[in-house]
Protein backbone atom coordinates (compact mmCIF):
# COMPACT_ATOMS: atom_id res chain seq x y z
CA MET A 1 0.16 0.07 0.09
CA ASP A 2 1.53 3.19 -0.34
CA ASN A 3 0.41 5.71 1.96
CA GLY A 4 2.04 8.48 0.71
CA ALA A 5 5.22 10.02 -0.97
CA MET A 6 8.36 10.52 1.65
CA GLN A 7 8.94 14.00 1.94
CA PRO A 8 10.01 16.16 -0.70
CA ASP A 9 13.78 16.82 0.95
CA PRO A 10 14.19 14.45 3.80
CA GLN A 11 18.07 15.77 3.65
CA ALA A 12 16.10 19.46 5.21
CA HIS A 13 13.96 17.64 7.54
CA TRP A 14 16.94 15.20 8.55
CA GLU A 15 19.41 17.60 9.11
CA SER A 16 16.33 20.49 11.17
CA VAL A 17 16.39 17.50 13.43
CA HIS A 18 20.10 16.29 14.28
CA THR A 19 20.95 20.58 14.97
CA THR A 20 17.54 21.08 17.34
CA LYS A 21 17.47 18.31 19.15
CA PRO A 22 19.67 16.65 21.14
CA VAL A 23 21.08 13.55 20.98
CA ASP A 24 19.01 11.19 23.26
CA GLY A 25 15.65 13.80 22.50
CA VAL A 26 15.06 12.41 19.71
CA SER A 27 11.99 8.96 19.55
CA TRP A 28 14.26 6.45 18.32
CA TRP A 29 17.50 7.18 20.46
CA GLN A 30 18.99 3.92 21.98
CA PRO A 31 21.76 4.60 25.00
CA GLN A 32 24.72 1.76 24.68
CA GLU A 33 22.77 -0.87 26.85
CA ASP A 34 20.12 -0.57 24.51
CA LEU A 35 21.72 -1.31 21.51
CA TRP A 36 20.42 -4.41 19.10
CA LEU A 37 23.69 -5.81 18.25
CA ASP A 38 23.08 -9.31 18.68
CA LEU A 39 21.32 -9.07 15.48
CA ILE A 40 25.25 -8.27 14.16
CA GLU A 41 27.17 -10.08 15.61
CA ASP A 42 25.03 -13.28 16.35
CA LEU A 43 25.99 -13.43 11.80
CA GLU A 44 29.62 -13.95 13.06
CA PRO A 45 31.46 -10.58 11.06
CA ALA A 46 35.31 -11.47 10.53
CA PRO A 47 36.88 -8.30 12.17
CA ASP A 48 37.51 -6.76 8.46
CA ASP A 49 34.01 -7.64 6.51
CA LEU A 50 32.55 -4.34 5.80
CA ILE A 51 29.23 -3.79 8.19
CA LEU A 52 26.88 -0.59 6.63
CA ASP A 53 24.30 1.05 9.23
CA VAL A 54 22.01 2.85 6.53
CA GLY A 55 20.50 5.98 8.21
CA SER A 56 22.77 6.43 11.56
CA GLY A 57 21.34 9.22 12.94
CA SER A 58 24.12 9.90 15.63
CA SER A 59 24.04 6.65 17.08
CA LEU A 60 26.04 5.15 18.70
CA LEU A 61 26.23 1.57 16.72
CA VAL A 62 30.37 2.60 15.06
CA ASP A 63 31.23 3.18 18.30
CA ALA A 64 30.41 0.21 20.03
CA LEU A 65 31.19 -2.40 16.91
CA LEU A 66 34.82 -0.44 17.21
CA ALA A 67 35.02 -1.56 20.60
CA ARG A 68 34.13 -4.45 20.31
CA GLY A 69 37.02 -4.79 17.69
CA HIS A 70 35.00 -4.39 14.56
CA ARG A 71 37.53 -2.53 11.45
CA ARG A 72 35.25 -1.54 8.97
CA LEU A 73 32.37 0.15 9.89
CA ALA A 74 30.79 2.65 7.79
CA ALA A 75 27.10 4.92 8.54
CA VAL A 76 25.41 6.96 5.63
CA ASP A 77 22.69 9.67 6.81
CA VAL A 78 21.66 12.56 4.53
CA SER A 79 22.53 14.65 7.13
CA PRO A 80 26.03 15.75 7.72
CA ALA A 81 25.16 17.07 12.11
CA ALA A 82 24.43 13.33 12.63
CA LEU A 83 27.44 12.17 11.25
CA ALA A 84 29.81 15.34 12.73
CA ARG A 85 28.58 13.85 15.85
CA ILE A 86 29.79 10.13 15.67
CA ARG A 87 32.91 11.52 13.85
CA GLY A 88 33.09 14.10 16.92
CA ARG A 89 32.95 10.99 19.60
CA VAL A 90 35.46 8.40 17.64
CA GLY A 91 37.31 10.74 15.93
CA PRO A 92 39.60 9.83 12.31
CA VAL A 93 39.74 6.03 12.42
CA PRO A 94 40.89 4.88 9.76
CA GLY A 95 38.38 1.92 8.45
CA VAL A 96 35.59 4.21 9.39
CA ASP A 97 33.83 6.42 6.84
CA LEU A 98 30.88 8.09 7.67
CA ILE A 99 29.02 9.02 4.14
CA ALA A 100 26.31 11.80 4.05
CA ALA A 101 24.24 10.24 1.31
CA ASP A 102 20.52 9.17 0.25
CA VAL A 103 19.77 5.63 0.71
CA ARG A 104 17.67 5.29 -2.27
CA THR A 105 20.68 6.50 -4.70
CA LEU A 106 23.96 5.04 -2.34
CA ARG A 107 26.51 3.46 -4.40
CA LEU A 108 29.59 2.59 -2.36
CA ASP A 109 32.80 1.03 -3.65
CA ALA A 110 33.50 -1.96 -2.10
CA PRO A 111 31.44 -4.61 -0.98
CA VAL A 112 29.37 -4.96 1.71
CA ALA A 113 28.88 -7.67 4.14
CA ILE A 114 26.29 -6.92 6.28
CA TRP A 115 23.94 -3.94 5.70
CA HIS A 116 21.92 -2.85 9.02
CA ASP A 117 19.11 -0.25 8.95
CA ARG A 118 17.09 0.29 12.34
CA ALA A 119 14.27 3.00 11.07
CA VAL A 120 15.21 4.06 7.86
CA PHE A 121 13.27 1.88 5.13
CA HIS A 122 9.27 2.30 7.06
CA PHE A 123 10.03 5.95 6.02
CA LEU A 124 9.42 5.37 2.62
CA THR A 125 6.37 5.03 2.15
CA ASP A 126 6.13 5.24 -2.09
CA PRO A 127 6.79 1.96 -3.97
CA ALA A 128 9.24 3.96 -6.57
CA ASP A 129 11.24 4.62 -3.02
CA GLN A 130 11.52 1.09 -1.69
CA ARG A 131 12.17 -0.41 -5.63
CA ALA A 132 15.34 2.32 -5.03
CA TYR A 133 16.19 1.49 -1.59
CA ALA A 134 15.84 -2.35 -2.93
CA GLU A 135 18.26 -1.50 -5.35
CA SER A 136 20.65 0.32 -3.49
CA VAL A 137 20.89 -2.95 -1.38
CA ARG A 138 20.83 -5.53 -3.95
CA ALA A 139 24.37 -2.89 -5.53
CA ALA A 140 26.37 -3.16 -2.12
CA LEU A 141 26.02 -6.51 -0.58
CA ALA A 142 28.55 -8.54 -1.08
CA PRO A 143 28.24 -12.15 -1.89
CA GLY A 144 26.99 -14.40 0.61
CA GLY A 145 26.21 -10.96 3.40
CA HIS A 146 23.31 -10.37 4.87
CA VAL A 147 20.25 -7.93 5.65
CA ILE A 148 19.02 -6.59 8.30
CA VAL A 149 16.14 -4.22 8.78
CA ALA A 150 13.99 -2.86 11.68
CA THR A 151 10.58 -0.99 10.46
CA PHE A 152 7.35 -0.34 12.31
CA ALA A 153 5.45 -3.65 13.16
CA LEU A 154 1.94 -4.09 12.41
CA ASP A 155 0.70 -2.33 15.55
CA GLY A 156 3.30 0.37 15.77
CA PRO A 157 3.43 4.01 15.71
CA GLN A 158 1.93 5.64 11.93
CA THR A 159 4.13 8.47 11.91
CA CYS A 160 7.48 8.69 13.67
CA SER A 161 8.84 12.53 13.54
CA GLY A 162 6.12 14.74 11.73
CA LEU A 163 6.20 12.04 8.33
CA PRO A 164 3.89 9.12 7.87
CA VAL A 165 5.36 5.62 7.91
CA GLN A 166 5.15 2.33 6.05
CA ARG A 167 4.39 -0.50 9.12
CA TYR A 168 5.58 -3.93 8.42
CA GLU A 169 5.16 -8.07 9.25
CA PRO A 170 8.12 -10.24 8.04
CA GLY A 171 6.84 -11.79 4.99
CA THR A 172 5.31 -8.04 3.52
CA LEU A 173 8.92 -6.16 4.52
CA ALA A 174 11.03 -9.42 3.29
CA VAL A 175 8.99 -8.66 -0.28
CA ALA A 176 9.31 -4.75 -0.48
CA LEU A 177 13.01 -5.17 -0.09
CA GLY A 178 13.36 -7.30 -2.55
CA PHE A 179 13.50 -10.98 -1.15
CA THR A 180 11.10 -13.50 -0.51
CA ALA A 181 10.21 -14.89 2.84
CA ARG A 182 12.10 -17.90 2.02
CA ASP A 183 15.32 -15.48 2.73
CA ILE A 184 14.04 -15.10 5.70
CA VAL A 185 17.06 -16.40 8.18
CA ARG A 186 15.53 -14.57 11.41
CA SER A 187 12.74 -12.76 12.26
CA GLU A 188 10.83 -11.33 15.59
CA VAL A 189 8.98 -7.94 17.43
CA ARG A 190 11.15 -6.28 19.47
CA VAL A 191 9.74 -3.10 21.59
CA HIS A 192 11.99 -0.02 21.48
CA THR A 193 11.23 1.88 24.83
CA THR A 194 12.13 5.44 23.81
CA PRO A 195 13.91 8.20 25.81
CA TRP A 196 10.32 9.19 27.59
CA GLY A 197 9.19 5.83 27.84
CA THR A 198 6.25 4.77 25.40
CA LEU A 199 6.69 1.68 23.63
CA GLN A 200 7.56 0.91 20.07
CA PRO A 201 6.97 -2.86 18.50
CA PHE A 202 9.65 -3.38 15.23
CA THR A 203 9.76 -6.44 12.90
CA VAL A 204 12.89 -7.13 12.39
CA VAL A 205 14.40 -9.70 9.38
CA VAL A 206 17.79 -10.71 8.93
CA LEU A 207 17.75 -11.94 4.81
CA ALA A 208 20.28 -14.34 2.90
CA GLY A 209 21.48 -11.83 0.66
CA SER A 210 21.52 -14.70 -2.14
CA GLY A 211 17.75 -13.65 -2.14
CA ALA A 212 18.34 -10.70 -3.77
CA GLU A 213 20.66 -11.93 -6.30
CA ARG A 214 18.05 -14.27 -6.99
CA ALA A 215 15.06 -12.09 -7.66
CA GLN A 216 17.81 -9.27 -9.93
CA ASP A 217 18.13 -12.47 -12.15
CA VAL A 218 14.73 -12.89 -12.49
CA ALA A 219 13.95 -9.53 -12.69
CA HIS A 220 16.11 -9.81 -15.92
């Protein structure tokens, strides 16, 4: 279902959010002890596997992965201000790239072992934007790689940061990402507690990258 197009100027919207609110003044903020690191760590990536955090905002995920010995990390966000906050914390670490870009047109120079997205895809309510996102995943993912995506669940919020969202269950989320239900290697509902105590249910899927490769073959 198309619930309306994505905001006309996402960079302006998110740059305003990240320049006018403190890091813990947004609903999606997770303190370090609440990060969903197990979704990444359970895939057992090697220290030099490239892990990409899409729509990172000012998240502590990069910091936490560095502390666990991961040496190749990238964070992508349309807001340079959000990325500057990450850089201010971690410093000019070799192997950590902070990329100001729109995920719908993202193209990377190196293949990604893990594509991680917590709460970006559900903002793409236009099917054309969803297809563009799926193409970015296919272009980025290394053979044998994995995709981790978390969106609001069917009983989750209908809006976030003043914008409409599209809610998912695991099967429809996989299809929207260009996969099939059989490509899901893990799925669950997780409840996020906002900084002010509101509970938000998320649908989480972990997908095997070969599904995107099959979908591309079928499309051609």
